[in-house]
Amino acid sequence: MEVKKKIILGVDPGTQVLGYAIAECAGSTVSVLACDVLRLRNEKDVLGRLKTIFEKITEIIDLHHPSELAIESPFYGENIQSMHKLGRAQGVVIAAALHRGLSVAEYSPRKIKQSITGRGAATKEQVAAMLSAQYILPPTAQNLDATDALAVAITHIHQRDAIRGKGGTGSWEAFIRSNPDRIR
């Protein structure tokens, strides 16, 4: 029986530094194919940055052929302008993914941290440490934005597997039957 492979593009959006990762899931085996950042600080024009994001994400999709995009949703901090800029970057990434026919899933920062470390308030450093302990990371994964993007992709894989359950039926009922110890 041939194991079906799924390739996920994970993105931690940003207008100055954007993290991206490619994770391949074959059965229960997850491999990290890419984990890096796009540095956008040299582009002074905001619209130029958005154009560069679209072009680079499209290139990454064309190179690795993912079928799904998992992206971190912007969270509201104290600076509404930062959230606005992140929302623009996120929108451009989603547009590039849709342009190439990918399905899109969005996860909150808290959900991602919870999925990787078991703690929704974990630091970026704790997330990176957990990922490096579990997976073989490329040398380009030294930036915390890159490992955040990998965390998004891994969260998507975990979420997808949880919804499908061990029987692969895709229903919550099957998940509950297969995981009685996880239901309280």
Protein backbone atom coordinates (compact mmCIF):
# COMPACT_ATOMS: atom_id res chain seq x y z
CA MET A 1 0.00 0.00 0.00
CA GLU A 2 1.47 3.33 -1.08
CA VAL A 3 1.63 6.06 1.53
CA LYS A 4 0.09 9.30 0.29
CA LYS A 5 2.36 12.32 0.71
CA LYS A 6 1.07 15.77 1.58
CA ILE A 7 3.22 18.90 1.28
CA ILE A 8 2.31 21.87 3.47
CA LEU A 9 3.56 25.46 3.14
CA GLY A 10 3.66 27.16 6.53
CA VAL A 11 3.97 30.95 6.73
CA ASP A 12 4.62 33.38 9.56
CA PRO A 13 3.65 36.63 7.80
CA GLY A 14 5.60 39.83 8.13
CA THR A 15 6.38 42.91 6.08
CA GLN A 16 10.04 43.10 7.11
CA VAL A 17 10.84 39.44 7.73
CA LEU A 18 8.49 36.69 6.55
CA GLY A 19 9.09 33.12 7.70
CA TYR A 20 8.23 30.16 5.52
CA ALA A 21 8.60 26.41 5.80
CA ILE A 22 7.80 23.38 3.70
CA ALA A 23 6.85 20.20 5.57
CA GLU A 24 6.12 16.88 3.93
CA CYS A 25 3.85 14.40 5.66
CA ALA A 26 3.93 10.76 4.54
CA GLY A 27 1.77 8.68 6.85
CA SER A 28 3.01 9.50 10.36
CA THR A 29 6.44 10.66 9.13
CA VAL A 30 7.03 14.40 8.84
CA SER A 31 10.08 15.78 7.04
CA VAL A 32 11.19 19.40 6.86
CA LEU A 33 12.05 20.25 3.25
CA ALA A 34 12.68 23.98 3.72
CA CYS A 35 12.67 26.48 6.57
CA ASP A 36 13.87 30.03 5.96
CA VAL A 37 12.90 33.69 5.82
CA LEU A 38 12.32 36.35 3.21
CA ARG A 39 14.08 39.55 4.23
CA LEU A 40 12.11 42.54 2.98
CA ARG A 41 13.72 45.42 4.88
CA ASN A 42 15.70 46.65 1.85
CA GLU A 43 12.48 47.34 -0.04
CA LYS A 44 11.51 50.85 1.11
CA ASP A 45 8.13 51.02 -0.63
CA VAL A 46 5.33 49.17 1.21
CA LEU A 47 3.61 48.19 -2.04
CA GLY A 48 6.96 46.96 -3.37
CA ARG A 49 7.25 44.69 -0.32
CA LEU A 50 3.79 43.27 -0.92
CA LYS A 51 4.66 42.63 -4.58
CA THR A 52 7.89 40.89 -3.53
CA ILE A 53 5.96 38.73 -1.04
CA PHE A 54 3.53 37.65 -3.76
CA GLU A 55 6.33 36.86 -6.22
CA LYS A 56 8.51 34.97 -3.71
CA ILE A 57 5.63 32.93 -2.25
CA THR A 58 4.56 32.01 -5.80
CA GLU A 59 8.16 30.92 -6.55
CA ILE A 60 8.25 28.79 -3.37
CA ILE A 61 4.94 27.17 -4.33
CA ASP A 62 6.18 26.47 -7.87
CA LEU A 63 9.42 24.96 -6.51
CA HIS A 64 7.96 22.69 -3.79
CA HIS A 65 4.40 22.04 -5.07
CA PRO A 66 2.53 22.16 -1.74
CA SER A 67 -1.19 21.52 -1.85
CA GLU A 68 -2.04 23.39 1.34
CA LEU A 69 -1.10 26.69 2.98
CA ALA A 70 -1.13 27.04 6.76
CA ILE A 71 -0.69 30.62 7.90
CA GLU A 72 -0.50 32.35 11.27
CA SER A 73 -3.26 34.85 11.84
CA PRO A 74 -2.20 38.31 12.96
CA PHE A 75 -2.83 38.94 16.61
CA TYR A 76 -3.81 42.25 18.12
CA GLY A 77 -1.06 43.72 20.24
CA GLU A 78 -0.80 47.30 21.35
CA ASN A 79 -0.01 48.67 17.90
CA ILE A 80 -2.95 48.64 15.48
CA GLN A 81 -0.64 49.74 12.63
CA SER A 82 1.47 46.59 13.06
CA MET A 83 -1.63 44.44 12.89
CA HIS A 84 -2.76 46.28 9.77
CA LYS A 85 0.62 45.68 8.06
CA LEU A 86 0.63 42.00 9.06
CA GLY A 87 -2.90 41.64 7.72
CA ARG A 88 -1.77 43.00 4.37
CA ALA A 89 1.16 40.56 4.24
CA GLN A 90 -1.14 37.70 5.22
CA GLY A 91 -3.62 38.68 2.50
CA VAL A 92 -0.94 38.72 -0.17
CA VAL A 93 0.34 35.28 0.90
CA ILE A 94 -3.21 33.90 0.83
CA ALA A 95 -3.79 35.46 -2.60
CA ALA A 96 -0.61 33.81 -3.95
CA ALA A 97 -1.69 30.45 -2.52
CA LEU A 98 -5.20 30.73 -3.96
CA HIS A 99 -3.70 31.84 -7.29
CA ARG A 100 -1.82 28.51 -7.37
CA GLY A 101 -4.82 26.45 -6.24
CA LEU A 102 -3.80 25.70 -2.64
CA SER A 103 -6.30 25.25 0.15
CA VAL A 104 -5.78 27.66 3.05
CA ALA A 105 -5.96 27.20 6.82
CA GLU A 106 -5.33 29.88 9.44
CA TYR A 107 -4.16 29.34 13.03
CA SER A 108 -3.84 31.73 15.96
CA PRO A 109 -0.43 32.19 17.59
CA ARG A 110 -1.79 30.68 20.80
CA LYS A 111 -3.07 27.56 19.00
CA ILE A 112 0.30 27.09 17.28
CA LYS A 113 2.27 27.38 20.53
CA GLN A 114 -0.15 25.00 22.25
CA SER A 115 0.19 22.48 19.43
CA ILE A 116 4.00 22.48 19.47
CA THR A 117 4.89 22.95 23.15
CA GLY A 118 1.70 22.14 25.03
CA ARG A 119 1.63 25.74 26.32
CA GLY A 120 -0.25 28.52 24.55
CA ALA A 121 1.97 31.15 26.19
CA ALA A 122 5.28 29.59 25.11
CA THR A 123 8.05 31.84 23.78
CA LYS A 124 9.39 31.76 20.23
CA GLU A 125 12.59 30.25 21.64
CA GLN A 126 10.66 27.42 23.32
CA VAL A 127 8.82 26.66 20.09
CA ALA A 128 12.13 26.60 18.16
CA ALA A 129 13.75 24.33 20.76
CA MET A 130 10.86 21.86 20.63
CA LEU A 131 10.95 21.74 16.83
CA SER A 132 14.73 21.24 16.72
CA ALA A 133 14.38 18.40 19.22
CA GLN A 134 11.75 16.63 17.10
CA TYR A 135 12.83 17.27 13.50
CA ILE A 136 15.97 17.53 11.42
CA LEU A 137 16.07 21.21 10.52
CA PRO A 138 18.05 22.75 7.66
CA PRO A 139 20.82 25.25 8.56
CA THR A 140 18.55 28.09 7.33
CA ALA A 141 16.19 27.42 10.26
CA GLN A 142 18.21 29.60 12.64
CA ASN A 143 15.77 32.52 12.47
CA LEU A 144 12.82 32.44 14.89
CA ASP A 145 10.47 33.59 12.11
CA ALA A 146 11.50 30.52 10.09
CA THR A 147 10.83 28.14 12.98
CA ASP A 148 7.52 29.91 13.65
CA ALA A 149 6.54 29.15 10.04
CA LEU A 150 7.49 25.51 10.55
CA ALA A 151 5.38 25.47 13.71
CA VAL A 152 2.40 26.65 11.64
CA ALA A 153 2.91 23.83 9.12
CA ILE A 154 3.31 21.21 11.87
CA THR A 155 0.21 22.52 13.66
CA HIS A 156 -1.73 22.10 10.43
CA ILE A 157 -0.52 18.51 10.10
CA HIS A 158 -1.51 17.78 13.73
CA GLN A 159 -4.90 19.44 13.28
CA ARG A 160 -5.60 17.61 10.04
CA ASP A 161 -4.66 14.27 11.60
CA ALA A 162 -6.78 14.96 14.71
CA ILE A 163 -9.86 15.77 12.66
CA ARG A 164 -9.43 12.71 10.47
CA GLY A 165 -8.86 10.46 13.46
CA LYS A 166 -6.93 7.24 13.30
CA GLY A 167 -9.58 5.69 11.09
CA GLY A 168 -9.24 8.43 8.51
CA THR A 169 -12.95 9.09 8.25
CA GLY A 170 -12.71 12.82 8.85
CA SER A 171 -15.51 13.01 11.40
CA TRP A 172 -15.44 14.23 14.98
CA GLU A 173 -17.31 11.10 15.99
CA ALA A 174 -14.46 8.94 14.63
CA PHE A 175 -11.92 11.13 16.41
CA ILE A 176 -13.75 10.73 19.74
CA ARG A 177 -14.05 6.94 19.29
CA SER A 178 -10.34 6.68 18.44
CA ASN A 179 -9.16 9.00 21.25
CA PRO A 180 -11.25 8.35 24.37
CA ASP A 181 -8.32 9.32 26.61
CA ARG A 182 -8.19 12.82 25.06
CA ILE A 183 -11.84 13.64 25.74
CA ARG A 184 -12.71 15.08 29.17
